[in-house]
Amino acid sequence: MARVKFVFRLLVLAVVAMFLHYVLPQHDVVKVTSTEVIRTDLGSFNRIFFASPDSGSATPDTRDLRLINTQKQNTFLLGFIQRDSSRVMVYRNEDTGWIWPPYFKFNSADLQAEAANLARGDAWVVVTHYGWRNRWLSIYPNAIGLRVVDGPEVTIIPWFNITFFVFLLIAFLFLRAMWRQLWERAVDPVLDSATHRIDEAQADLAERRSRLARWFGRK
C-alpha cells in the first residue's frame, strides 16, 4: 500500500511539473532567420496544443499558422575545448486572447512583422515563449515577445518564474498551516470524543462479559 501511495504521489508530481513547464514562460536567445505562414490541418490530439480558432471560422481544424524560424547558438565545454553548436528552433505566433494560458496576447500580427524585420539583420533576440516543440506531433512553442540583446552570452533571469514559485511555496505553507489548525480544532476533538466513547463501550462490554462469566460460574 505504501508503494502504491508513493507511485501515485510521484505521478501527480510529474503531471504538475509537466503542466508548469508547459505554461510558464521560457526564454531563448536566438537569431531570427525567416518568417512564414503555413496552412495547417490540426489532428485530434495535437489540437489541444494550439490556440482556439477565431470566432466564426468555418473550418476550425484548418488554419493559417504564423511561424518564426530561428537559429540557436549553444556554447558548451568539451574537456578543455570550447565549441559552438547551432540548431534551429521554430516558434508559432498565435494570439491567446482571454483564454488559457492567461498571457492575454492579441498582437500576433505585429509580432510577426517585428520578427520579419529582425530576420533582415543579424541581431540576437530573446524570445519569450511557452509550450513545447515536438516534430512528431507537429507542435511548436508559442512566441509571446521579442527583445533585442547584445549577444548570445546574455544572462536571462526568469523573475516571473521565481516570483511564481515563491508565491506557490508561501501559499502551500499557508494552506498547510490552515489545514493543521482546522484539523486540531475540528477533527481532533471529534476523534478524541469518538475514541473515548469506543473505550467506554468496550469497558462496559467487558464488564458485562465478566458478570455473565461469574454468573455462569456459580451455576
N, C-alpha and C. Protein backbone atom coordinates (compact mmCIF):
# COMPACT_ATOMS: atom_id res chain seq x y z
N MET A 1 0.82 -1.20 0.00
CA MET A 1 0.00 0.00 0.00
C MET A 1 0.86 1.26 0.00
N ALA A 2 1.96 1.21 0.76
CA ALA A 2 2.85 2.36 0.82
C ALA A 2 3.47 2.64 -0.55
N ARG A 3 3.81 1.57 -1.28
CA ARG A 3 4.38 1.74 -2.62
C ARG A 3 3.37 2.34 -3.58
N VAL A 4 2.11 1.93 -3.46
CA VAL A 4 1.06 2.48 -4.33
C VAL A 4 0.90 3.97 -4.07
N LYS A 5 0.90 4.38 -2.80
CA LYS A 5 0.79 5.80 -2.46
C LYS A 5 1.98 6.58 -3.00
N PHE A 6 3.18 5.98 -2.88
CA PHE A 6 4.38 6.66 -3.36
C PHE A 6 4.33 6.85 -4.88
N VAL A 7 3.92 5.80 -5.61
CA VAL A 7 3.83 5.89 -7.07
C VAL A 7 2.77 6.90 -7.47
N PHE A 8 1.64 6.90 -6.77
CA PHE A 8 0.57 7.85 -7.09
C PHE A 8 1.03 9.29 -6.88
N ARG A 9 1.69 9.54 -5.76
CA ARG A 9 2.19 10.89 -5.49
C ARG A 9 3.24 11.30 -6.51
N LEU A 10 4.07 10.34 -6.91
CA LEU A 10 5.10 10.63 -7.91
C LEU A 10 4.47 10.98 -9.25
N LEU A 11 3.42 10.27 -9.63
CA LEU A 11 2.72 10.55 -10.88
C LEU A 11 2.06 11.93 -10.84
N VAL A 12 1.42 12.25 -9.72
CA VAL A 12 0.79 13.56 -9.57
C VAL A 12 1.83 14.67 -9.66
N LEU A 13 2.97 14.46 -9.00
CA LEU A 13 4.04 15.45 -9.04
C LEU A 13 4.58 15.62 -10.46
N ALA A 14 4.72 14.52 -11.20
CA ALA A 14 5.21 14.59 -12.58
C ALA A 14 4.23 15.33 -13.47
N VAL A 15 2.92 15.08 -13.30
CA VAL A 15 1.92 15.77 -14.11
C VAL A 15 1.93 17.26 -13.82
N VAL A 16 2.02 17.64 -12.55
CA VAL A 16 2.06 19.06 -12.18
C VAL A 16 3.31 19.72 -12.74
N ALA A 17 4.46 19.02 -12.65
CA ALA A 17 5.72 19.58 -13.16
C ALA A 17 5.65 19.78 -14.67
N MET A 18 5.10 18.81 -15.40
CA MET A 18 4.97 18.95 -16.85
C MET A 18 4.01 20.08 -17.22
N PHE A 19 2.94 20.21 -16.46
CA PHE A 19 1.97 21.27 -16.72
C PHE A 19 2.61 22.65 -16.52
N LEU A 20 3.35 22.82 -15.42
CA LEU A 20 4.01 24.10 -15.17
C LEU A 20 5.10 24.37 -16.20
N HIS A 21 5.82 23.33 -16.60
CA HIS A 21 6.87 23.51 -17.61
C HIS A 21 6.27 23.95 -18.94
N TYR A 22 5.06 23.53 -19.23
CA TYR A 22 4.42 23.91 -20.50
C TYR A 22 3.90 25.34 -20.46
N VAL A 23 3.25 25.74 -19.36
CA VAL A 23 2.54 27.02 -19.35
C VAL A 23 3.40 28.20 -18.88
N LEU A 24 4.45 27.94 -18.09
CA LEU A 24 5.25 29.06 -17.59
C LEU A 24 6.15 29.61 -18.70
N PRO A 25 6.45 30.90 -18.67
CA PRO A 25 7.27 31.50 -19.73
C PRO A 25 8.71 31.02 -19.67
N GLN A 26 9.30 30.83 -20.85
CA GLN A 26 10.70 30.46 -21.01
C GLN A 26 11.36 31.46 -21.96
N HIS A 27 12.69 31.48 -21.92
CA HIS A 27 13.43 32.47 -22.71
C HIS A 27 14.54 31.78 -23.50
N ASP A 28 14.61 32.06 -24.79
CA ASP A 28 15.67 31.54 -25.66
C ASP A 28 16.36 32.71 -26.34
N VAL A 29 17.70 32.62 -26.43
CA VAL A 29 18.47 33.62 -27.16
C VAL A 29 18.74 33.07 -28.55
N VAL A 30 18.22 33.75 -29.57
CA VAL A 30 18.27 33.21 -30.93
C VAL A 30 18.53 34.33 -31.93
N LYS A 31 18.73 33.92 -33.18
CA LYS A 31 18.71 34.82 -34.32
C LYS A 31 17.51 34.46 -35.19
N VAL A 32 16.71 35.44 -35.53
CA VAL A 32 15.56 35.18 -36.40
C VAL A 32 16.05 35.08 -37.83
N THR A 33 15.78 33.96 -38.47
CA THR A 33 16.25 33.72 -39.84
C THR A 33 15.17 33.99 -40.89
N SER A 34 13.91 33.71 -40.55
CA SER A 34 12.83 33.95 -41.51
C SER A 34 11.49 33.81 -40.81
N THR A 35 10.45 34.23 -41.50
CA THR A 35 9.07 34.05 -41.04
C THR A 35 8.26 33.49 -42.19
N GLU A 36 7.20 32.79 -41.85
CA GLU A 36 6.34 32.23 -42.88
C GLU A 36 4.96 31.96 -42.31
N VAL A 37 4.02 31.76 -43.20
CA VAL A 37 2.66 31.40 -42.84
C VAL A 37 2.32 30.11 -43.59
N ILE A 38 1.93 29.08 -42.87
CA ILE A 38 1.62 27.80 -43.50
C ILE A 38 0.18 27.42 -43.20
N ARG A 39 -0.40 26.65 -44.11
CA ARG A 39 -1.75 26.12 -43.92
C ARG A 39 -1.62 24.82 -43.13
N THR A 40 -2.31 24.73 -42.01
CA THR A 40 -2.13 23.61 -41.10
C THR A 40 -3.47 22.92 -40.84
N ASP A 41 -3.45 21.60 -40.92
CA ASP A 41 -4.60 20.78 -40.52
C ASP A 41 -4.30 20.19 -39.15
N LEU A 42 -5.10 20.54 -38.17
CA LEU A 42 -4.89 20.06 -36.81
C LEU A 42 -5.53 18.68 -36.64
N GLY A 43 -4.79 17.80 -35.93
CA GLY A 43 -5.30 16.47 -35.66
C GLY A 43 -6.10 16.44 -34.37
N SER A 44 -6.63 15.27 -34.06
CA SER A 44 -7.46 15.13 -32.87
C SER A 44 -6.65 15.25 -31.59
N PHE A 45 -5.34 14.96 -31.65
CA PHE A 45 -4.53 15.00 -30.45
C PHE A 45 -3.78 16.33 -30.31
N ASN A 46 -3.11 16.77 -31.38
CA ASN A 46 -2.29 17.97 -31.22
C ASN A 46 -3.12 19.25 -31.22
N ARG A 47 -4.44 19.16 -31.42
CA ARG A 47 -5.29 20.34 -31.41
C ARG A 47 -5.22 21.06 -30.05
N ILE A 48 -5.03 20.31 -28.96
CA ILE A 48 -5.02 20.92 -27.64
C ILE A 48 -3.79 21.79 -27.41
N PHE A 49 -2.76 21.65 -28.26
CA PHE A 49 -1.55 22.44 -28.10
C PHE A 49 -1.59 23.74 -28.91
N PHE A 50 -2.72 24.03 -29.54
CA PHE A 50 -2.85 25.25 -30.32
C PHE A 50 -3.94 26.13 -29.73
N ALA A 51 -3.89 27.40 -30.09
CA ALA A 51 -4.90 28.33 -29.60
C ALA A 51 -6.24 28.03 -30.24
N SER A 52 -7.30 28.57 -29.63
CA SER A 52 -8.64 28.37 -30.18
C SER A 52 -8.79 29.12 -31.50
N PRO A 53 -9.60 28.60 -32.41
CA PRO A 53 -9.78 29.30 -33.70
C PRO A 53 -10.53 30.61 -33.53
N ASP A 54 -10.38 31.48 -34.51
CA ASP A 54 -11.12 32.73 -34.48
C ASP A 54 -12.62 32.47 -34.56
N SER A 55 -13.39 33.36 -33.90
CA SER A 55 -14.83 33.17 -33.94
C SER A 55 -15.38 33.32 -35.35
N GLY A 56 -16.32 32.42 -35.66
CA GLY A 56 -16.90 32.44 -36.99
C GLY A 56 -16.12 31.67 -38.01
N SER A 57 -15.05 30.99 -37.60
CA SER A 57 -14.25 30.22 -38.56
C SER A 57 -15.05 29.01 -39.04
N ALA A 58 -15.08 28.84 -40.34
CA ALA A 58 -15.86 27.73 -40.90
C ALA A 58 -15.14 26.41 -40.76
N THR A 59 -13.81 26.44 -40.72
CA THR A 59 -13.02 25.21 -40.60
C THR A 59 -12.08 25.34 -39.42
N PRO A 60 -12.55 25.05 -38.20
CA PRO A 60 -11.73 25.24 -37.00
C PRO A 60 -10.50 24.36 -36.96
N ASP A 61 -10.49 23.23 -37.70
CA ASP A 61 -9.34 22.33 -37.67
C ASP A 61 -8.32 22.65 -38.76
N THR A 62 -8.60 23.63 -39.60
CA THR A 62 -7.66 24.06 -40.64
C THR A 62 -7.48 25.56 -40.51
N ARG A 63 -6.23 26.00 -40.41
CA ARG A 63 -5.99 27.42 -40.21
C ARG A 63 -4.63 27.81 -40.77
N ASP A 64 -4.45 29.12 -40.96
CA ASP A 64 -3.15 29.66 -41.33
C ASP A 64 -2.35 29.90 -40.06
N LEU A 65 -1.17 29.29 -40.02
CA LEU A 65 -0.34 29.34 -38.81
C LEU A 65 0.91 30.18 -39.08
N ARG A 66 1.10 31.23 -38.29
CA ARG A 66 2.30 32.05 -38.41
C ARG A 66 3.45 31.35 -37.70
N LEU A 67 4.59 31.26 -38.38
CA LEU A 67 5.78 30.64 -37.81
C LEU A 67 6.95 31.62 -37.84
N ILE A 68 7.80 31.52 -36.81
CA ILE A 68 9.03 32.31 -36.72
C ILE A 68 10.19 31.32 -36.67
N ASN A 69 11.02 31.30 -37.70
CA ASN A 69 12.15 30.39 -37.78
C ASN A 69 13.40 31.07 -37.20
N THR A 70 14.09 30.36 -36.34
CA THR A 70 15.25 30.94 -35.66
C THR A 70 16.40 29.95 -35.62
N GLN A 71 17.56 30.45 -35.20
CA GLN A 71 18.75 29.62 -35.01
C GLN A 71 19.32 29.92 -33.63
N LYS A 72 19.51 28.86 -32.85
CA LYS A 72 20.05 29.00 -31.51
C LYS A 72 21.54 28.67 -31.52
N GLN A 73 22.30 29.39 -30.71
CA GLN A 73 23.73 29.16 -30.60
C GLN A 73 24.00 28.60 -29.21
N ASN A 74 24.44 27.37 -29.12
CA ASN A 74 24.74 26.73 -27.85
C ASN A 74 26.25 26.59 -27.68
N THR A 75 26.76 27.15 -26.61
CA THR A 75 28.18 27.05 -26.29
C THR A 75 28.36 26.09 -25.12
N PHE A 76 29.25 25.12 -25.28
CA PHE A 76 29.48 24.16 -24.20
C PHE A 76 30.95 23.80 -24.17
N LEU A 77 31.38 23.20 -23.06
CA LEU A 77 32.78 22.82 -22.85
C LEU A 77 32.93 21.33 -23.03
N LEU A 78 33.89 20.92 -23.84
CA LEU A 78 34.21 19.51 -24.04
C LEU A 78 35.66 19.32 -23.62
N GLY A 79 35.84 18.87 -22.38
CA GLY A 79 37.19 18.82 -21.83
C GLY A 79 37.70 20.23 -21.61
N PHE A 80 38.80 20.57 -22.28
CA PHE A 80 39.35 21.92 -22.20
C PHE A 80 39.07 22.72 -23.46
N ILE A 81 38.24 22.18 -24.36
CA ILE A 81 37.97 22.81 -25.64
C ILE A 81 36.56 23.38 -25.62
N GLN A 82 36.42 24.65 -25.97
CA GLN A 82 35.12 25.28 -26.07
C GLN A 82 34.61 25.20 -27.51
N ARG A 83 33.43 24.68 -27.67
CA ARG A 83 32.86 24.52 -29.00
C ARG A 83 31.49 25.18 -29.08
N ASP A 84 31.11 25.57 -30.27
CA ASP A 84 29.79 26.15 -30.52
C ASP A 84 29.00 25.22 -31.42
N SER A 85 27.77 25.04 -31.09
CA SER A 85 26.88 24.23 -31.93
C SER A 85 25.63 25.03 -32.23
N SER A 86 25.13 24.91 -33.42
CA SER A 86 23.94 25.66 -33.83
C SER A 86 22.81 24.69 -34.09
N ARG A 87 21.62 25.08 -33.72
CA ARG A 87 20.44 24.28 -34.05
C ARG A 87 19.27 25.23 -34.26
N VAL A 88 18.33 24.78 -35.02
CA VAL A 88 17.19 25.63 -35.36
C VAL A 88 16.07 25.41 -34.35
N MET A 89 15.22 26.42 -34.24
CA MET A 89 14.03 26.33 -33.41
C MET A 89 12.92 27.11 -34.11
N VAL A 90 11.75 26.50 -34.18
CA VAL A 90 10.61 27.11 -34.85
C VAL A 90 9.55 27.42 -33.78
N TYR A 91 9.05 28.64 -33.83
CA TYR A 91 8.01 29.08 -32.90
C TYR A 91 6.74 29.40 -33.68
N ARG A 92 5.60 29.09 -33.11
CA ARG A 92 4.35 29.57 -33.70
C ARG A 92 4.03 30.93 -33.09
N ASN A 93 3.17 31.65 -33.74
CA ASN A 93 2.83 33.00 -33.30
C ASN A 93 1.31 33.14 -33.35
N GLU A 94 0.67 32.79 -32.22
CA GLU A 94 -0.80 32.81 -32.14
C GLU A 94 -1.24 33.67 -30.97
N ASP A 95 -2.38 34.34 -31.14
CA ASP A 95 -2.99 35.05 -30.02
C ASP A 95 -3.54 34.05 -29.00
N THR A 96 -3.37 34.36 -27.73
CA THR A 96 -4.00 33.56 -26.68
C THR A 96 -5.34 34.14 -26.27
N GLY A 97 -5.52 35.44 -26.52
CA GLY A 97 -6.79 36.07 -26.16
C GLY A 97 -7.01 36.06 -24.66
N TRP A 98 -8.27 35.85 -24.29
CA TRP A 98 -8.64 35.83 -22.87
C TRP A 98 -8.67 34.42 -22.30
N ILE A 99 -8.27 33.43 -23.12
CA ILE A 99 -8.37 32.05 -22.67
C ILE A 99 -7.05 31.58 -22.10
N TRP A 100 -6.94 30.31 -21.80
CA TRP A 100 -5.76 29.73 -21.19
C TRP A 100 -4.69 29.44 -22.23
N PRO A 101 -3.40 29.63 -21.91
CA PRO A 101 -2.88 30.23 -20.68
C PRO A 101 -3.04 31.75 -20.67
N PRO A 102 -3.13 32.37 -19.51
CA PRO A 102 -3.53 33.79 -19.44
C PRO A 102 -2.40 34.76 -19.76
N TYR A 103 -1.92 34.73 -20.99
CA TYR A 103 -0.91 35.70 -21.43
C TYR A 103 -1.55 36.93 -22.07
N PHE A 104 -2.85 36.85 -22.40
CA PHE A 104 -3.60 37.97 -22.96
C PHE A 104 -2.87 38.58 -24.16
N LYS A 105 -2.48 37.69 -25.06
CA LYS A 105 -1.74 38.11 -26.25
C LYS A 105 -2.72 38.36 -27.39
N PHE A 106 -2.68 39.58 -27.94
CA PHE A 106 -3.55 39.95 -29.05
C PHE A 106 -2.76 40.53 -30.22
N ASN A 107 -1.42 40.53 -30.13
CA ASN A 107 -0.61 41.26 -31.12
C ASN A 107 0.21 40.34 -32.01
N SER A 108 -0.34 39.19 -32.39
CA SER A 108 0.45 38.24 -33.18
C SER A 108 0.83 38.82 -34.54
N ALA A 109 -0.04 39.64 -35.15
CA ALA A 109 0.29 40.24 -36.45
C ALA A 109 1.46 41.22 -36.30
N ASP A 110 1.44 42.05 -35.25
CA ASP A 110 2.54 42.98 -35.02
C ASP A 110 3.83 42.24 -34.70
N LEU A 111 3.71 41.16 -33.92
CA LEU A 111 4.90 40.39 -33.57
C LEU A 111 5.50 39.72 -34.81
N GLN A 112 4.66 39.29 -35.74
CA GLN A 112 5.15 38.68 -36.97
C GLN A 112 5.90 39.70 -37.82
N ALA A 113 5.37 40.92 -37.87
CA ALA A 113 6.05 41.98 -38.61
C ALA A 113 7.39 42.33 -37.96
N GLU A 114 7.42 42.34 -36.64
CA GLU A 114 8.68 42.61 -35.93
C GLU A 114 9.70 41.51 -36.20
N ALA A 115 9.25 40.25 -36.19
CA ALA A 115 10.15 39.14 -36.47
C ALA A 115 10.67 39.19 -37.90
N ALA A 116 9.80 39.55 -38.85
CA ALA A 116 10.24 39.66 -40.24
C ALA A 116 11.28 40.76 -40.40
N ASN A 117 11.14 41.84 -39.66
CA ASN A 117 12.13 42.92 -39.72
C ASN A 117 13.46 42.48 -39.11
N LEU A 118 13.40 41.72 -38.01
CA LEU A 118 14.63 41.22 -37.38
C LEU A 118 15.34 40.20 -38.26
N ALA A 119 14.59 39.47 -39.09
CA ALA A 119 15.20 38.46 -39.96
C ALA A 119 16.11 39.10 -41.01
N ARG A 120 15.92 40.37 -41.30
CA ARG A 120 16.75 41.05 -42.30
C ARG A 120 18.13 41.43 -41.73
N GLY A 121 18.24 41.46 -40.40
CA GLY A 121 19.50 41.85 -39.78
C GLY A 121 20.24 40.67 -39.20
N ASP A 122 21.15 40.97 -38.26
CA ASP A 122 21.97 39.94 -37.66
C ASP A 122 21.94 40.05 -36.14
N ALA A 123 20.82 40.52 -35.60
CA ALA A 123 20.73 40.78 -34.17
C ALA A 123 20.38 39.52 -33.40
N TRP A 124 20.86 39.49 -32.17
CA TRP A 124 20.46 38.42 -31.25
C TRP A 124 19.20 38.87 -30.52
N VAL A 125 18.29 37.94 -30.36
CA VAL A 125 16.97 38.26 -29.83
C VAL A 125 16.61 37.27 -28.73
N VAL A 126 15.99 37.79 -27.68
CA VAL A 126 15.42 36.92 -26.65
C VAL A 126 13.95 36.68 -26.99
N VAL A 127 13.62 35.42 -27.20
CA VAL A 127 12.23 35.04 -27.48
C VAL A 127 11.61 34.53 -26.19
N THR A 128 10.59 35.22 -25.74
CA THR A 128 9.81 34.74 -24.60
C THR A 128 8.67 33.89 -25.13
N HIS A 129 8.54 32.68 -24.62
CA HIS A 129 7.56 31.75 -25.17
C HIS A 129 7.08 30.80 -24.10
N TYR A 130 6.06 30.04 -24.44
CA TYR A 130 5.62 28.92 -23.61
C TYR A 130 5.32 27.75 -24.54
N GLY A 131 5.28 26.56 -23.98
CA GLY A 131 4.95 25.38 -24.79
C GLY A 131 6.17 24.57 -25.16
N TRP A 132 5.95 23.54 -25.97
CA TRP A 132 6.98 22.59 -26.35
C TRP A 132 7.10 22.52 -27.87
N ARG A 133 8.26 22.04 -28.29
CA ARG A 133 8.49 21.73 -29.71
C ARG A 133 8.60 20.22 -29.85
N ASN A 134 7.74 19.65 -30.67
CA ASN A 134 7.77 18.22 -30.93
C ASN A 134 7.53 17.99 -32.42
N ARG A 135 8.52 17.43 -33.09
CA ARG A 135 8.43 17.25 -34.55
C ARG A 135 7.43 16.17 -34.93
N TRP A 136 7.30 15.13 -34.10
CA TRP A 136 6.39 14.03 -34.43
C TRP A 136 4.93 14.45 -34.30
N LEU A 137 4.65 15.32 -33.32
CA LEU A 137 3.29 15.80 -33.13
C LEU A 137 3.00 17.08 -33.88
N SER A 138 4.06 17.66 -34.50
CA SER A 138 3.94 18.92 -35.24
C SER A 138 3.38 20.03 -34.35
N ILE A 139 3.98 20.19 -33.17
CA ILE A 139 3.59 21.27 -32.26
C ILE A 139 4.79 22.18 -32.04
N TYR A 140 4.49 23.45 -31.76
CA TYR A 140 5.52 24.46 -31.63
C TYR A 140 5.26 25.28 -30.37
N PRO A 141 6.32 25.79 -29.74
CA PRO A 141 6.10 26.75 -28.65
C PRO A 141 5.55 28.05 -29.20
N ASN A 142 4.74 28.72 -28.42
CA ASN A 142 4.10 29.96 -28.87
C ASN A 142 4.92 31.16 -28.40
N ALA A 143 5.40 31.96 -29.34
CA ALA A 143 6.20 33.14 -29.01
C ALA A 143 5.30 34.23 -28.44
N ILE A 144 5.71 34.80 -27.31
CA ILE A 144 4.95 35.84 -26.65
C ILE A 144 5.55 37.22 -26.90
N GLY A 145 6.89 37.28 -26.93
CA GLY A 145 7.53 38.57 -27.14
C GLY A 145 8.94 38.41 -27.68
N LEU A 146 9.46 39.47 -28.30
CA LEU A 146 10.81 39.51 -28.84
C LEU A 146 11.53 40.72 -28.26
N ARG A 147 12.81 40.51 -27.90
CA ARG A 147 13.60 41.61 -27.35
C ARG A 147 15.03 41.49 -27.83
N VAL A 148 15.56 42.53 -28.44
CA VAL A 148 16.93 42.53 -28.95
C VAL A 148 17.91 42.65 -27.79
N VAL A 149 18.98 41.80 -27.82
CA VAL A 149 20.03 41.83 -26.79
C VAL A 149 21.38 41.97 -27.47
N ASP A 150 22.42 42.17 -26.66
CA ASP A 150 23.75 42.43 -27.20
C ASP A 150 24.41 41.21 -27.84
N GLY A 151 24.16 40.02 -27.27
CA GLY A 151 24.80 38.83 -27.81
C GLY A 151 24.27 37.57 -27.18
N PRO A 152 24.76 36.41 -27.62
CA PRO A 152 24.24 35.13 -27.11
C PRO A 152 24.64 34.84 -25.68
N GLU A 153 25.63 35.57 -25.14
CA GLU A 153 26.09 35.29 -23.78
C GLU A 153 25.29 36.03 -22.72
N VAL A 154 24.22 36.71 -23.12
CA VAL A 154 23.41 37.47 -22.17
C VAL A 154 22.78 36.54 -21.15
N THR A 155 22.69 37.00 -19.91
CA THR A 155 22.10 36.21 -18.83
C THR A 155 20.65 36.63 -18.64
N ILE A 156 19.76 35.67 -18.73
CA ILE A 156 18.33 35.93 -18.57
C ILE A 156 17.89 35.40 -17.20
N ILE A 157 17.40 36.28 -16.35
CA ILE A 157 16.90 35.87 -15.04
C ILE A 157 15.38 35.76 -15.11
N PRO A 158 14.82 34.58 -14.91
CA PRO A 158 13.36 34.41 -15.03
C PRO A 158 12.64 34.92 -13.78
N TRP A 159 12.49 36.23 -13.68
CA TRP A 159 11.91 36.83 -12.49
C TRP A 159 10.47 36.37 -12.27
N PHE A 160 9.72 36.25 -13.35
CA PHE A 160 8.32 35.84 -13.19
C PHE A 160 8.24 34.44 -12.60
N ASN A 161 9.05 33.51 -13.11
CA ASN A 161 9.01 32.14 -12.61
C ASN A 161 9.48 32.08 -11.15
N ILE A 162 10.51 32.87 -10.81
CA ILE A 162 10.99 32.90 -9.43
C ILE A 162 9.89 33.41 -8.50
N THR A 163 9.24 34.51 -8.91
CA THR A 163 8.15 35.06 -8.10
C THR A 163 7.00 34.08 -7.98
N PHE A 164 6.69 33.40 -9.08
CA PHE A 164 5.58 32.45 -9.08
C PHE A 164 5.85 31.31 -8.10
N PHE A 165 7.06 30.73 -8.13
CA PHE A 165 7.35 29.60 -7.26
C PHE A 165 7.46 30.03 -5.80
N VAL A 166 7.95 31.25 -5.54
CA VAL A 166 7.96 31.76 -4.17
C VAL A 166 6.53 31.91 -3.66
N PHE A 167 5.68 32.49 -4.50
CA PHE A 167 4.27 32.63 -4.13
C PHE A 167 3.62 31.26 -3.93
N LEU A 168 3.95 30.31 -4.80
CA LEU A 168 3.39 28.96 -4.68
C LEU A 168 3.82 28.30 -3.37
N LEU A 169 5.09 28.48 -3.00
CA LEU A 169 5.59 27.92 -1.74
C LEU A 169 4.91 28.56 -0.54
N ILE A 170 4.76 29.90 -0.57
CA ILE A 170 4.09 30.59 0.53
C ILE A 170 2.64 30.14 0.64
N ALA A 171 1.96 30.02 -0.50
CA ALA A 171 0.57 29.58 -0.49
C ALA A 171 0.45 28.15 0.05
N PHE A 172 1.40 27.27 -0.33
CA PHE A 172 1.37 25.89 0.16
C PHE A 172 1.56 25.85 1.67
N LEU A 173 2.54 26.61 2.18
CA LEU A 173 2.79 26.63 3.62
C LEU A 173 1.60 27.23 4.37
N PHE A 174 0.98 28.26 3.80
CA PHE A 174 -0.18 28.88 4.43
C PHE A 174 -1.36 27.91 4.49
N LEU A 175 -1.64 27.24 3.37
CA LEU A 175 -2.74 26.27 3.35
C LEU A 175 -2.45 25.08 4.26
N ARG A 176 -1.18 24.69 4.32
CA ARG A 176 -0.81 23.57 5.21
C ARG A 176 -1.04 23.95 6.67
N ALA A 177 -0.66 25.19 7.04
CA ALA A 177 -0.88 25.65 8.41
C ALA A 177 -2.36 25.75 8.73
N MET A 178 -3.16 26.25 7.77
CA MET A 178 -4.61 26.34 7.98
C MET A 178 -5.23 24.95 8.14
N TRP A 179 -4.75 23.99 7.32
CA TRP A 179 -5.29 22.63 7.41
C TRP A 179 -4.97 22.01 8.76
N ARG A 180 -3.74 22.22 9.23
CA ARG A 180 -3.37 21.67 10.54
C ARG A 180 -4.21 22.31 11.66
N GLN A 181 -4.41 23.62 11.56
CA GLN A 181 -5.21 24.30 12.57
C GLN A 181 -6.65 23.82 12.55
N LEU A 182 -7.20 23.66 11.35
CA LEU A 182 -8.56 23.15 11.22
C LEU A 182 -8.66 21.73 11.77
N TRP A 183 -7.65 20.92 11.48
CA TRP A 183 -7.65 19.53 11.97
C TRP A 183 -7.61 19.49 13.49
N GLU A 184 -6.76 20.36 14.08
CA GLU A 184 -6.63 20.37 15.54
C GLU A 184 -7.90 20.88 16.21
N ARG A 185 -8.57 21.86 15.58
CA ARG A 185 -9.75 22.45 16.21
C ARG A 185 -11.03 21.68 15.93
N ALA A 186 -11.15 21.10 14.74
CA ALA A 186 -12.42 20.48 14.36
C ALA A 186 -12.37 18.96 14.34
N VAL A 187 -11.30 18.40 13.83
CA VAL A 187 -11.27 16.95 13.63
C VAL A 187 -10.76 16.22 14.87
N ASP A 188 -9.68 16.70 15.48
CA ASP A 188 -9.12 16.03 16.65
C ASP A 188 -10.12 15.88 17.80
N PRO A 189 -10.88 16.95 18.15
CA PRO A 189 -11.87 16.77 19.22
C PRO A 189 -12.91 15.70 18.90
N VAL A 190 -13.36 15.65 17.65
CA VAL A 190 -14.34 14.63 17.27
C VAL A 190 -13.75 13.24 17.37
N LEU A 191 -12.49 13.08 16.92
CA LEU A 191 -11.83 11.78 17.01
C LEU A 191 -11.61 11.38 18.46
N ASP A 192 -11.20 12.35 19.29
CA ASP A 192 -10.98 12.05 20.72
C ASP A 192 -12.29 11.64 21.39
N SER A 193 -13.37 12.36 21.04
CA SER A 193 -14.67 12.02 21.62
C SER A 193 -15.12 10.63 21.17
N ALA A 194 -14.94 10.34 19.88
CA ALA A 194 -15.33 9.03 19.38
C ALA A 194 -14.48 7.93 20.01
N THR A 195 -13.18 8.19 20.16
CA THR A 195 -12.30 7.19 20.80
C THR A 195 -12.70 6.96 22.24
N HIS A 196 -13.04 8.05 22.95
CA HIS A 196 -13.47 7.92 24.34
C HIS A 196 -14.75 7.10 24.45
N ARG A 197 -15.69 7.34 23.55
CA ARG A 197 -16.94 6.57 23.57
C ARG A 197 -16.70 5.10 23.25
N ILE A 198 -15.80 4.84 22.33
CA ILE A 198 -15.48 3.44 22.00
C ILE A 198 -14.85 2.75 23.19
N ASP A 199 -13.95 3.46 23.89
CA ASP A 199 -13.31 2.89 25.08
C ASP A 199 -14.35 2.60 26.16
N GLU A 200 -15.30 3.52 26.36
CA GLU A 200 -16.35 3.30 27.36
C GLU A 200 -17.22 2.11 26.98
N ALA A 201 -17.55 2.02 25.67
CA ALA A 201 -18.38 0.89 25.23
C ALA A 201 -17.65 -0.42 25.41
N GLN A 202 -16.34 -0.45 25.09
CA GLN A 202 -15.56 -1.67 25.26
C GLN A 202 -15.44 -2.04 26.74
N ALA A 203 -15.26 -1.04 27.60
CA ALA A 203 -15.17 -1.31 29.05
C ALA A 203 -16.50 -1.84 29.58
N ASP A 204 -17.61 -1.25 29.12
CA ASP A 204 -18.92 -1.72 29.55
C ASP A 204 -19.19 -3.14 29.08
N LEU A 205 -18.78 -3.44 27.84
CA LEU A 205 -18.96 -4.78 27.31
C LEU A 205 -18.11 -5.78 28.07
N ALA A 206 -16.90 -5.40 28.41
CA ALA A 206 -16.04 -6.31 29.17
C ALA A 206 -16.61 -6.57 30.56
N GLU A 207 -17.19 -5.51 31.16
CA GLU A 207 -17.79 -5.70 32.49
C GLU A 207 -18.99 -6.64 32.43
N ARG A 208 -19.81 -6.51 31.39
CA ARG A 208 -20.96 -7.39 31.25
C ARG A 208 -20.53 -8.84 31.01
N ARG A 209 -19.48 -9.01 30.21
CA ARG A 209 -18.98 -10.37 29.99
C ARG A 209 -18.46 -10.96 31.30
N SER A 210 -17.82 -10.13 32.08
CA SER A 210 -17.30 -10.62 33.36
C SER A 210 -18.44 -11.03 34.28
N ARG A 211 -19.51 -10.21 34.30
CA ARG A 211 -20.66 -10.57 35.12
C ARG A 211 -21.30 -11.87 34.67
N LEU A 212 -21.44 -12.02 33.34
CA LEU A 212 -22.02 -13.26 32.83
C LEU A 212 -21.14 -14.46 33.15
N ALA A 213 -19.83 -14.27 33.06
CA ALA A 213 -18.92 -15.37 33.38
C ALA A 213 -19.03 -15.76 34.84
N ARG A 214 -19.13 -14.77 35.72
CA ARG A 214 -19.28 -15.09 37.16
C ARG A 214 -20.61 -15.76 37.43
N TRP A 215 -21.67 -15.29 36.75
CA TRP A 215 -22.99 -15.87 36.98
C TRP A 215 -23.04 -17.32 36.51
N PHE A 216 -22.48 -17.60 35.32
CA PHE A 216 -22.45 -18.99 34.85
C PHE A 216 -21.50 -19.83 35.69
N GLY A 217 -20.47 -19.20 36.26
CA GLY A 217 -19.57 -19.95 37.14
C GLY A 217 -20.24 -20.42 38.40
N ARG A 218 -21.18 -19.62 38.90
CA ARG A 218 -21.90 -20.04 40.08
C ARG A 218 -22.86 -21.18 39.78
N LYS A 219 -23.38 -21.18 38.58
CA LYS A 219 -24.28 -22.25 38.19
C LYS A 219 -23.52 -23.57 38.09
